PDB file of N, CA and C in Angstrom:
ATOM      1  N   MET A   1       0.840  -1.181   0.000  1.00  0.00           N
ATOM      2  CA  MET A   1       0.000   0.000   0.000  1.00  0.00           C
ATOM      3  C   MET A   1       0.884   1.243   0.000  1.00  0.00           C
ATOM      4  N   TRP A   2       0.393   2.239  -0.695  1.00  0.00           N
ATOM      5  CA  TRP A   2       1.076   3.523  -0.769  1.00  0.00           C
ATOM      6  C   TRP A   2       0.103   4.600  -0.319  1.00  0.00           C
ATOM      7  N   ILE A   3       0.654   5.675   0.209  1.00  0.00           N
ATOM      8  CA  ILE A   3      -0.162   6.762   0.720  1.00  0.00           C
ATOM      9  C   ILE A   3       0.368   8.075   0.141  1.00  0.00           C
ATOM     10  N   LEU A   4      -0.544   8.912  -0.297  1.00  0.00           N
ATOM     11  CA  LEU A   4      -0.170  10.242  -0.776  1.00  0.00           C
ATOM     12  C   LEU A   4      -0.381  11.201   0.380  1.00  0.00           C
ATOM     13  N   LEU A   5       0.722  11.701   0.936  1.00  0.00           N
ATOM     14  CA  LEU A   5       0.676  12.624   2.062  1.00  0.00           C
ATOM     15  C   LEU A   5       0.722  14.056   1.568  1.00  0.00           C
ATOM     16  N   THR A   6      -0.025  14.920   2.234  1.00  0.00           N
ATOM     17  CA  THR A   6       0.015  16.351   1.958  1.00  0.00           C
ATOM     18  C   THR A   6       0.310  17.066   3.268  1.00  0.00           C
ATOM     19  N   VAL A   7       1.397  17.858   3.276  1.00  0.00           N
ATOM     20  CA  VAL A   7       1.825  18.591   4.463  1.00  0.00           C
ATOM     21  C   VAL A   7       1.868  20.069   4.115  1.00  0.00           C
ATOM     22  N   ILE A   8       1.297  20.899   5.001  1.00  0.00           N
ATOM     23  CA  ILE A   8       1.323  22.350   4.812  1.00  0.00           C
ATOM     24  C   ILE A   8       2.233  22.952   5.874  1.00  0.00           C
ATOM     25  N   ILE A   9       3.182  23.778   5.416  1.00  0.00           N
ATOM     26  CA  ILE A   9       4.108  24.452   6.318  1.00  0.00           C
ATOM     27  C   ILE A   9       4.002  25.945   6.067  1.00  0.00           C
ATOM     28  N   SER A  10       3.769  26.706   7.129  1.00  0.00           N
ATOM     29  CA  SER A  10       3.692  28.159   7.030  1.00  0.00           C
ATOM     30  C   SER A  10       5.073  28.749   7.264  1.00  0.00           C
ATOM     31  N   SER A  11       5.399  29.803   6.537  1.00  0.00           N
ATOM     32  CA  SER A  11       6.735  30.393   6.665  1.00  0.00           C
ATOM     33  C   SER A  11       6.777  31.533   7.678  1.00  0.00           C
ATOM     34  N   SER A  12       5.674  31.811   8.355  1.00  0.00           N
ATOM     35  CA  SER A  12       5.664  32.934   9.294  1.00  0.00           C
ATOM     36  C   SER A  12       6.559  32.665  10.501  1.00  0.00           C
ATOM     37  N   ASN A  13       6.366  31.530  11.139  1.00  0.00           N
ATOM     38  CA  ASN A  13       7.164  31.169  12.299  1.00  0.00           C
ATOM     39  C   ASN A  13       7.165  29.653  12.382  1.00  0.00           C
ATOM     40  N   LYS A  14       8.171  29.036  11.831  1.00  0.00           N
ATOM     41  CA  LYS A  14       8.213  27.578  11.730  1.00  0.00           C
ATOM     42  C   LYS A  14       8.278  26.892  13.089  1.00  0.00           C
ATOM     43  N   GLU A  15       8.835  27.577  14.111  1.00  0.00           N
ATOM     44  CA  GLU A  15       8.914  26.968  15.430  1.00  0.00           C
ATOM     45  C   GLU A  15       7.543  26.956  16.105  1.00  0.00           C
ATOM     46  N   ALA A  16       6.760  28.001  15.921  1.00  0.00           N
ATOM     47  CA  ALA A  16       5.461  28.110  16.598  1.00  0.00           C
ATOM     48  C   ALA A  16       4.362  27.339  15.865  1.00  0.00           C
ATOM     49  N   ASN A  17       4.446  27.287  14.548  1.00  0.00           N
ATOM     50  CA  ASN A  17       3.405  26.626  13.761  1.00  0.00           C
ATOM     51  C   ASN A  17       3.841  25.218  13.386  1.00  0.00           C
ATOM     52  N   ALA A  18       3.106  24.258  13.899  1.00  0.00           N
ATOM     53  CA  ALA A  18       3.391  22.867  13.544  1.00  0.00           C
ATOM     54  C   ALA A  18       2.874  22.592  12.141  1.00  0.00           C
ATOM     55  N   PRO A  19       3.475  21.664  11.427  1.00  0.00           N
ATOM     56  CA  PRO A  19       2.969  21.316  10.097  1.00  0.00           C
ATOM     57  C   PRO A  19       1.546  20.772  10.192  1.00  0.00           C
ATOM     58  N   ILE A  20       0.779  21.023   9.158  1.00  0.00           N
ATOM     59  CA  ILE A  20      -0.597  20.537   9.072  1.00  0.00           C
ATOM     60  C   ILE A  20      -0.615  19.395   8.070  1.00  0.00           C
ATOM     61  N   TYR A  21      -1.144  18.254   8.481  1.00  0.00           N
ATOM     62  CA  TYR A  21      -1.258  17.098   7.598  1.00  0.00           C
ATOM     63  C   TYR A  21      -2.705  16.981   7.132  1.00  0.00           C
ATOM     64  N   LEU A  22      -2.909  16.979   5.821  1.00  0.00           N
ATOM     65  CA  LEU A  22      -4.243  16.796   5.279  1.00  0.00           C
ATOM     66  C   LEU A  22      -4.576  15.312   5.211  1.00  0.00           C
ATOM     67  N   ARG A  23      -5.830  15.021   4.961  1.00  0.00           N
ATOM     68  CA  ARG A  23      -6.284  13.629   4.911  1.00  0.00           C
ATOM     69  C   ARG A  23      -5.504  12.856   3.847  1.00  0.00           C
ATOM     70  N   PRO A  24      -4.870  11.751   4.222  1.00  0.00           N
ATOM     71  CA  PRO A  24      -4.073  10.987   3.249  1.00  0.00           C
ATOM     72  C   PRO A  24      -4.956  10.238   2.256  1.00  0.00           C
ATOM     73  N   ILE A  25      -4.384   9.962   1.091  1.00  0.00           N
ATOM     74  CA  ILE A  25      -5.075   9.216   0.039  1.00  0.00           C
ATOM     75  C   ILE A  25      -4.334   7.896  -0.149  1.00  0.00           C
ATOM     76  N   LEU A  26      -5.056   6.792  -0.026  1.00  0.00           N
ATOM     77  CA  LEU A  26      -4.448   5.465  -0.153  1.00  0.00           C
ATOM     78  C   LEU A  26      -4.456   4.985  -1.597  1.00  0.00           C
ATOM     79  N   HIS A  27      -3.370   4.290  -1.982  1.00  0.00           N
ATOM     80  CA  HIS A  27      -3.238   3.705  -3.312  1.00  0.00           C
ATOM     81  C   HIS A  27      -2.654   2.302  -3.187  1.00  0.00           C
ATOM     82  N   ASP A  28      -3.003   1.439  -4.130  1.00  0.00           N
ATOM     83  CA  ASP A  28      -2.495   0.064  -4.116  1.00  0.00           C
ATOM     84  C   ASP A  28      -1.049  -0.031  -4.590  1.00  0.00           C
ATOM     85  N   THR A  29      -0.666   0.819  -5.548  1.00  0.00           N
ATOM     86  CA  THR A  29       0.678   0.745  -6.129  1.00  0.00           C
ATOM     87  C   THR A  29       1.311   2.128  -6.191  1.00  0.00           C
ATOM     88  N   ILE A  30       2.623   2.138  -6.330  1.00  0.00           N
ATOM     89  CA  ILE A  30       3.347   3.400  -6.486  1.00  0.00           C
ATOM     90  C   ILE A  30       2.952   4.093  -7.779  1.00  0.00           C
ATOM     91  N   GLU A  31       2.643   3.317  -8.808  1.00  0.00           N
ATOM     92  CA  GLU A  31       2.256   3.890 -10.092  1.00  0.00           C
ATOM     93  C   GLU A  31       0.958   4.696  -9.962  1.00  0.00           C
ATOM     94  N   LYS A  32      -0.009   4.151  -9.246  1.00  0.00           N
ATOM     95  CA  LYS A  32      -1.278   4.863  -9.046  1.00  0.00           C
ATOM     96  C   LYS A  32      -1.083   6.113  -8.198  1.00  0.00           C
ATOM     97  N   CYS A  33      -0.221   6.000  -7.200  1.00  0.00           N
ATOM     98  CA  CYS A  33       0.060   7.151  -6.343  1.00  0.00           C
ATOM     99  C   CYS A  33       0.745   8.261  -7.134  1.00  0.00           C
ATOM    100  N   GLU A  34       1.727   7.889  -7.936  1.00  0.00           N
ATOM    101  CA  GLU A  34       2.426   8.903  -8.733  1.00  0.00           C
ATOM    102  C   GLU A  34       1.553   9.448  -9.855  1.00  0.00           C
ATOM    103  N   LEU A  35       0.622   8.669 -10.357  1.00  0.00           N
ATOM    104  CA  LEU A  35      -0.339   9.173 -11.335  1.00  0.00           C
ATOM    105  C   LEU A  35      -1.215  10.243 -10.694  1.00  0.00           C
ATOM    106  N   ASN A  36      -1.656  10.011  -9.471  1.00  0.00           N
ATOM    107  CA  ASN A  36      -2.426  11.005  -8.745  1.00  0.00           C
ATOM    108  C   ASN A  36      -1.586  12.252  -8.509  1.00  0.00           C
ATOM    109  N   LEU A  37      -0.319  12.075  -8.170  1.00  0.00           N
ATOM    110  CA  LEU A  37       0.598  13.188  -7.974  1.00  0.00           C
ATOM    111  C   LEU A  37       0.756  13.990  -9.268  1.00  0.00           C
ATOM    112  N   ASP A  38       0.855  13.311 -10.400  1.00  0.00           N
ATOM    113  CA  ASP A  38       0.959  13.987 -11.698  1.00  0.00           C
ATOM    114  C   ASP A  38      -0.309  14.766 -12.031  1.00  0.00           C
ATOM    115  N   GLN A  39      -1.457  14.225 -11.667  1.00  0.00           N
ATOM    116  CA  GLN A  39      -2.719  14.934 -11.912  1.00  0.00           C
ATOM    117  C   GLN A  39      -2.799  16.198 -11.063  1.00  0.00           C
ATOM    118  N   ILE A  40      -2.378  16.100  -9.816  1.00  0.00           N
ATOM    119  CA  ILE A  40      -2.340  17.286  -8.955  1.00  0.00           C
ATOM    120  C   ILE A  40      -1.382  18.313  -9.526  1.00  0.00           C
ATOM    121  N   HIS A  41      -0.237  17.859 -10.001  1.00  0.00           N
ATOM    122  CA  HIS A  41       0.749  18.760 -10.604  1.00  0.00           C
ATOM    123  C   HIS A  41       0.170  19.474 -11.817  1.00  0.00           C
ATOM    124  N   SER A  42      -0.503  18.758 -12.686  1.00  0.00           N
ATOM    125  CA  SER A  42      -1.068  19.400 -13.887  1.00  0.00           C
ATOM    126  C   SER A  42      -2.161  20.395 -13.518  1.00  0.00           C
ATOM    127  N   ASP A  43      -2.929  20.115 -12.460  1.00  0.00           N
ATOM    128  CA  ASP A  43      -3.938  21.069 -12.012  1.00  0.00           C
ATOM    129  C   ASP A  43      -3.301  22.313 -11.403  1.00  0.00           C
ATOM    130  N   LEU A  44      -2.272  22.127 -10.597  1.00  0.00           N
ATOM    131  CA  LEU A  44      -1.623  23.267  -9.938  1.00  0.00           C
ATOM    132  C   LEU A  44      -0.826  24.117 -10.910  1.00  0.00           C
ATOM    133  N   ILE A  45      -0.244  23.507 -11.926  1.00  0.00           N
ATOM    134  CA  ILE A  45       0.570  24.262 -12.876  1.00  0.00           C
ATOM    135  C   ILE A  45      -0.284  25.279 -13.639  1.00  0.00           C
ATOM    136  N   LYS A  46      -1.562  24.990 -13.782  1.00  0.00           N
ATOM    137  CA  LYS A  46      -2.476  25.924 -14.445  1.00  0.00           C
ATOM    138  C   LYS A  46      -2.651  27.205 -13.637  1.00  0.00           C
ATOM    139  N   LEU A  47      -2.497  27.116 -12.335  1.00  0.00           N
ATOM    140  CA  LEU A  47      -2.629  28.300 -11.485  1.00  0.00           C
ATOM    141  C   LEU A  47      -1.505  29.308 -11.710  1.00  0.00           C
ATOM    142  N   THR A  48      -0.360  28.838 -12.188  1.00  0.00           N
ATOM    143  CA  THR A  48       0.779  29.735 -12.378  1.00  0.00           C
ATOM    144  C   THR A  48       0.542  30.772 -13.465  1.00  0.00           C
ATOM    145  N   TYR A  49      -0.426  30.524 -14.343  1.00  0.00           N
ATOM    146  CA  TYR A  49      -0.718  31.471 -15.417  1.00  0.00           C
ATOM    147  C   TYR A  49      -1.341  32.755 -14.894  1.00  0.00           C
ATOM    148  N   ASN A  50      -2.118  32.662 -13.802  1.00  0.00           N
ATOM    149  CA  ASN A  50      -2.851  33.830 -13.315  1.00  0.00           C
ATOM    150  C   ASN A  50      -2.547  34.234 -11.880  1.00  0.00           C
ATOM    151  N   TYR A  51      -1.830  33.400 -11.156  1.00  0.00           N
ATOM    152  CA  TYR A  51      -1.594  33.675  -9.741  1.00  0.00           C
ATOM    153  C   TYR A  51      -0.114  33.571  -9.412  1.00  0.00           C
ATOM    154  N   PRO A  52       0.317  34.301  -8.376  1.00  0.00           N
ATOM    155  CA  PRO A  52       1.736  34.240  -7.978  1.00  0.00           C
ATOM    156  C   PRO A  52       2.016  33.012  -7.109  1.00  0.00           C
ATOM    157  N   VAL A  53       2.068  31.867  -7.742  1.00  0.00           N
ATOM    158  CA  VAL A  53       2.346  30.610  -7.044  1.00  0.00           C
ATOM    159  C   VAL A  53       3.561  29.947  -7.683  1.00  0.00           C
ATOM    160  N   GLU A  54       4.189  29.060  -6.929  1.00  0.00           N
ATOM    161  CA  GLU A  54       5.315  28.286  -7.447  1.00  0.00           C
ATOM    162  C   GLU A  54       4.964  26.814  -7.351  1.00  0.00           C
ATOM    163  N   VAL A  55       5.188  26.089  -8.429  1.00  0.00           N
ATOM    164  CA  VAL A  55       4.932  24.652  -8.459  1.00  0.00           C
ATOM    165  C   VAL A  55       6.190  23.973  -8.989  1.00  0.00           C
ATOM    166  N   LYS A  56       6.742  23.062  -8.184  1.00  0.00           N
ATOM    167  CA  LYS A  56       7.957  22.346  -8.591  1.00  0.00           C
ATOM    168  C   LYS A  56       7.774  20.857  -8.361  1.00  0.00           C
ATOM    169  N   LEU A  57       8.174  20.084  -9.325  1.00  0.00           N
ATOM    170  CA  LEU A  57       8.211  18.634  -9.189  1.00  0.00           C
ATOM    171  C   LEU A  57       9.669  18.252  -8.964  1.00  0.00           C
ATOM    172  N   GLU A  58       9.968  17.696  -7.791  1.00  0.00           N
ATOM    173  CA  GLU A  58      11.343  17.395  -7.427  1.00  0.00           C
ATOM    174  C   GLU A  58      11.467  15.927  -7.021  1.00  0.00           C
ATOM    175  N   TYR A  59      12.700  15.502  -6.771  1.00  0.00           N
ATOM    176  CA  TYR A  59      12.969  14.112  -6.384  1.00  0.00           C
ATOM    177  C   TYR A  59      13.713  14.088  -5.057  1.00  0.00           C
ATOM    178  N   ASP A  60      13.341  13.146  -4.189  1.00  0.00           N
ATOM    179  CA  ASP A  60      14.006  13.013  -2.899  1.00  0.00           C
ATOM    180  C   ASP A  60      15.273  12.172  -3.045  1.00  0.00           C
ATOM    181  N   LYS A  61      15.915  11.872  -1.923  1.00  0.00           N
ATOM    182  CA  LYS A  61      17.180  11.114  -1.968  1.00  0.00           C
ATOM    183  C   LYS A  61      16.983   9.679  -2.433  1.00  0.00           C
ATOM    184  N   ASN A  62      15.755   9.161  -2.353  1.00  0.00           N
ATOM    185  CA  ASN A  62      15.447   7.805  -2.833  1.00  0.00           C
ATOM    186  C   ASN A  62      14.921   7.797  -4.263  1.00  0.00           C
ATOM    187  N   HIS A  63      15.035   8.922  -4.933  1.00  0.00           N
ATOM    188  CA  HIS A  63      14.607   9.095  -6.326  1.00  0.00           C
ATOM    189  C   HIS A  63      13.096   8.943  -6.493  1.00  0.00           C
ATOM    190  N   LYS A  64      12.344   9.266  -5.455  1.00  0.00           N
ATOM    191  CA  LYS A  64      10.881   9.300  -5.531  1.00  0.00           C
ATOM    192  C   LYS A  64      10.469  10.751  -5.710  1.00  0.00           C
ATOM    193  N   LYS A  65       9.548  10.971  -6.621  1.00  0.00           N
ATOM    194  CA  LYS A  65       9.169  12.354  -6.884  1.00  0.00           C
ATOM    195  C   LYS A  65       8.189  12.865  -5.841  1.00  0.00           C
ATOM    196  N   TYR A  66       8.270  14.180  -5.626  1.00  0.00           N
ATOM    197  CA  TYR A  66       7.326  14.860  -4.752  1.00  0.00           C
ATOM    198  C   TYR A  66       7.042  16.233  -5.341  1.00  0.00           C
ATOM    199  N   LEU A  67       5.962  16.813  -4.891  1.00  0.00           N
ATOM    200  CA  LEU A  67       5.492  18.083  -5.428  1.00  0.00           C
ATOM    201  C   LEU A  67       5.593  19.150  -4.355  1.00  0.00           C
ATOM    202  N   LYS A  68       6.142  20.298  -4.721  1.00  0.00           N
ATOM    203  CA  LYS A  68       6.257  21.422  -3.803  1.00  0.00           C
ATOM    204  C   LYS A  68       5.450  22.581  -4.393  1.00  0.00           C
ATOM    205  N   TYR A  69       4.464  23.047  -3.639  1.00  0.00           N
ATOM    206  CA  TYR A  69       3.557  24.087  -4.098  1.00  0.00           C
ATOM    207  C   TYR A  69       3.563  25.217  -3.078  1.00  0.00           C
ATOM    208  N   SER A  70       4.056  26.404  -3.471  1.00  0.00           N
ATOM    209  CA  SER A  70       4.151  27.556  -2.579  1.00  0.00           C
ATOM    210  C   SER A  70       3.203  28.642  -3.038  1.00  0.00           C
ATOM    211  N   TYR A  71       2.567  29.285  -2.070  1.00  0.00           N
ATOM    212  CA  TYR A  71       1.557  30.307  -2.377  1.00  0.00           C
ATOM    213  C   TYR A  71       1.320  31.187  -1.153  1.00  0.00           C
ATOM    214  N   LYS A  72       0.613  32.289  -1.389  1.00  0.00           N
ATOM    215  CA  LYS A  72       0.132  33.142  -0.309  1.00  0.00           C
ATOM    216  C   LYS A  72      -1.384  33.162  -0.402  1.00  0.00           C
ATOM    217  N   THR A  73      -2.054  32.909   0.717  1.00  0.00           N
ATOM    218  CA  THR A  73      -3.516  32.948   0.708  1.00  0.00           C
ATOM    219  C   THR A  73      -4.023  34.367   0.546  1.00  0.00           C
ATOM    220  N   ASP A  74      -3.203  35.333   0.957  1.00  0.00           N
ATOM    221  CA  ASP A  74      -3.519  36.747   0.839  1.00  0.00           C
ATOM    222  C   ASP A  74      -2.182  37.483   0.824  1.00  0.00           C
ATOM    223  N   TYR A  75      -2.147  38.678   0.242  1.00  0.00           N
ATOM    224  CA  TYR A  75      -0.881  39.407   0.174  1.00  0.00           C
ATOM    225  C   TYR A  75      -0.392  39.840   1.547  1.00  0.00           C
ATOM    226  N   THR A  76      -1.282  39.916   2.524  1.00  0.00           N
ATOM    227  CA  THR A  76      -0.891  40.297   3.874  1.00  0.00           C
ATOM    228  C   THR A  76      -0.511  39.094   4.733  1.00  0.00           C
ATOM    229  N   LYS A  77      -0.721  37.901   4.238  1.00  0.00           N
ATOM    230  CA  LYS A  77      -0.445  36.670   4.990  1.00  0.00           C
ATOM    231  C   LYS A  77       0.930  36.116   4.620  1.00  0.00           C
ATOM    232  N   PRO A  78       1.502  35.297   5.498  1.00  0.00           N
ATOM    233  CA  PRO A  78       2.801  34.682   5.174  1.00  0.00           C
ATOM    234  C   PRO A  78       2.648  33.600   4.102  1.00  0.00           C
ATOM    235  N   LYS A  79       3.760  33.295   3.488  1.00  0.00           N
ATOM    236  CA  LYS A  79       3.805  32.261   2.447  1.00  0.00           C
ATOM    237  C   LYS A  79       3.599  30.887   3.075  1.00  0.00           C
ATOM    238  N   GLU A  80       2.848  30.039   2.378  1.00  0.00           N
ATOM    239  CA  GLU A  80       2.651  28.658   2.802  1.00  0.00           C
ATOM    240  C   GLU A  80       3.174  27.739   1.710  1.00  0.00           C
ATOM    241  N   THR A  81       3.657  26.592   2.121  1.00  0.00           N
ATOM    242  CA  THR A  81       4.160  25.602   1.181  1.00  0.00           C
ATOM    243  C   THR A  81       3.480  24.271   1.461  1.00  0.00           C
ATOM    244  N   LYS A  82       2.968  23.657   0.392  1.00  0.00           N
ATOM    245  CA  LYS A  82       2.377  22.327   0.484  1.00  0.00           C
ATOM    246  C   LYS A  82       3.328  21.347  -0.168  1.00  0.00           C
ATOM    247  N   TYR A  83       3.538  20.226   0.492  1.00  0.00           N
ATOM    248  CA  TYR A  83       4.339  19.145  -0.056  1.00  0.00           C
ATOM    249  C   TYR A  83       3.429  17.943  -0.270  1.00  0.00           C
ATOM    250  N   TYR A  84       3.474  17.378  -1.455  1.00  0.00           N
ATOM    251  CA  TYR A  84       2.739  16.159  -1.797  1.00  0.00           C
ATOM    252  C   TYR A  84       3.783  15.078  -2.052  1.00  0.00           C
ATOM    253  N   HIS A  85       3.659  13.946  -1.344  1.00  0.00           N
ATOM    254  CA  HIS A  85       4.691  12.922  -1.460  1.00  0.00           C
ATOM    255  C   HIS A  85       4.071  11.542  -1.278  1.00  0.00           C
ATOM    256  N   CYS A  86       4.457  10.595  -2.115  1.00  0.00           N
ATOM    257  CA  CYS A  86       3.986   9.209  -2.002  1.00  0.00           C
ATOM    258  C   CYS A  86       4.941   8.443  -1.086  1.00  0.00           C
ATOM    259  N   LYS A  87       4.356   7.758  -0.110  1.00  0.00           N
ATOM    260  CA  LYS A  87       5.154   6.977   0.832  1.00  0.00           C
ATOM    261  C   LYS A  87       4.567   5.581   0.974  1.00  0.00           C
ATOM    262  N   LYS A  88       5.430   4.618   1.173  1.00  0.00           N
ATOM    263  CA  LYS A  88       4.988   3.230   1.371  1.00  0.00           C
ATOM    264  C   LYS A  88       4.591   3.027   2.833  1.00  0.00           C
ATOM    265  N   ILE A  89       3.458   2.337   3.018  1.00  0.00           N
ATOM    266  CA  ILE A  89       3.036   2.049   4.398  1.00  0.00           C
ATOM    267  C   ILE A  89       2.977   0.548   4.616  1.00  0.00           C
TER     268      ILE A  89
END
Protein backbone atom coordinates (compact mmCIF):
# COMPACT_ATOMS: atom_id res chain seq x y z
CA MET A 1 0.00 0.00 0.00
CA TRP A 2 1.08 3.52 -0.77
CA ILE A 3 -0.16 6.76 0.72
CA LEU A 4 -0.17 10.24 -0.78
CA LEU A 5 0.68 12.62 2.06
CA THR A 6 0.01 16.35 1.96
CA VAL A 7 1.82 18.59 4.46
CA ILE A 8 1.32 22.35 4.81
CA ILE A 9 4.11 24.45 6.32
CA SER A 10 3.69 28.16 7.03
CA SER A 11 6.73 30.39 6.66
CA SER A 12 5.66 32.93 9.29
CA ASN A 13 7.16 31.17 12.30
CA LYS A 14 8.21 27.58 11.73
CA GLU A 15 8.91 26.97 15.43
CA ALA A 16 5.46 28.11 16.60
CA ASN A 17 3.40 26.63 13.76
CA ALA A 18 3.39 22.87 13.54
CA PRO A 19 2.97 21.32 10.10
CA ILE A 20 -0.60 20.54 9.07
CA TYR A 21 -1.26 17.10 7.60
CA LEU A 22 -4.24 16.80 5.28
CA ARG A 23 -6.28 13.63 4.91
CA PRO A 24 -4.07 10.99 3.25
CA ILE A 25 -5.08 9.22 0.04
CA LEU A 26 -4.45 5.46 -0.15
CA HIS A 27 -3.24 3.70 -3.31
CA ASP A 28 -2.49 0.06 -4.12
CA THR A 29 0.68 0.74 -6.13
CA ILE A 30 3.35 3.40 -6.49
CA GLU A 31 2.26 3.89 -10.09
CA LYS A 32 -1.28 4.86 -9.05
CA CYS A 33 0.06 7.15 -6.34
CA GLU A 34 2.43 8.90 -8.73
CA LEU A 35 -0.34 9.17 -11.34
CA ASN A 36 -2.43 11.00 -8.75
CA LEU A 37 0.60 13.19 -7.97
CA ASP A 38 0.96 13.99 -11.70
CA GLN A 39 -2.72 14.93 -11.91
CA ILE A 40 -2.34 17.29 -8.96
CA HIS A 41 0.75 18.76 -10.60
CA SER A 42 -1.07 19.40 -13.89
CA ASP A 43 -3.94 21.07 -12.01
CA LEU A 44 -1.62 23.27 -9.94
CA ILE A 45 0.57 24.26 -12.88
CA LYS A 46 -2.48 25.92 -14.44
CA LEU A 47 -2.63 28.30 -11.48
CA THR A 48 0.78 29.74 -12.38
CA TYR A 49 -0.72 31.47 -15.42
CA ASN A 50 -2.85 33.83 -13.32
CA TYR A 51 -1.59 33.68 -9.74
CA PRO A 52 1.74 34.24 -7.98
CA VAL A 53 2.35 30.61 -7.04
CA GLU A 54 5.32 28.29 -7.45
CA VAL A 55 4.93 24.65 -8.46
CA LYS A 56 7.96 22.35 -8.59
CA LEU A 57 8.21 18.63 -9.19
CA GLU A 58 11.34 17.40 -7.43
CA TYR A 59 12.97 14.11 -6.38
CA ASP A 60 14.01 13.01 -2.90
CA LYS A 61 17.18 11.11 -1.97
CA ASN A 62 15.45 7.80 -2.83
CA HIS A 63 14.61 9.10 -6.33
CA LYS A 64 10.88 9.30 -5.53
CA LYS A 65 9.17 12.35 -6.88
CA TYR A 66 7.33 14.86 -4.75
CA LEU A 67 5.49 18.08 -5.43
CA LYS A 68 6.26 21.42 -3.80
CA TYR A 69 3.56 24.09 -4.10
CA SER A 70 4.15 27.56 -2.58
CA TYR A 71 1.56 30.31 -2.38
CA LYS A 72 0.13 33.14 -0.31
CA THR A 73 -3.52 32.95 0.71
CA ASP A 74 -3.52 36.75 0.84
CA TYR A 75 -0.88 39.41 0.17
CA THR A 76 -0.89 40.30 3.87
CA LYS A 77 -0.44 36.67 4.99
CA PRO A 78 2.80 34.68 5.17
CA LYS A 79 3.81 32.26 2.45
CA GLU A 80 2.65 28.66 2.80
CA THR A 81 4.16 25.60 1.18
CA LYS A 82 2.38 22.33 0.48
CA TYR A 83 4.34 19.14 -0.06
CA TYR A 84 2.74 16.16 -1.80
CA HIS A 85 4.69 12.92 -1.46
CA CYS A 86 3.99 9.21 -2.00
CA LYS A 87 5.15 6.98 0.83
CA LYS A 88 4.99 3.23 1.37
CA ILE A 89 3.04 2.05 4.40
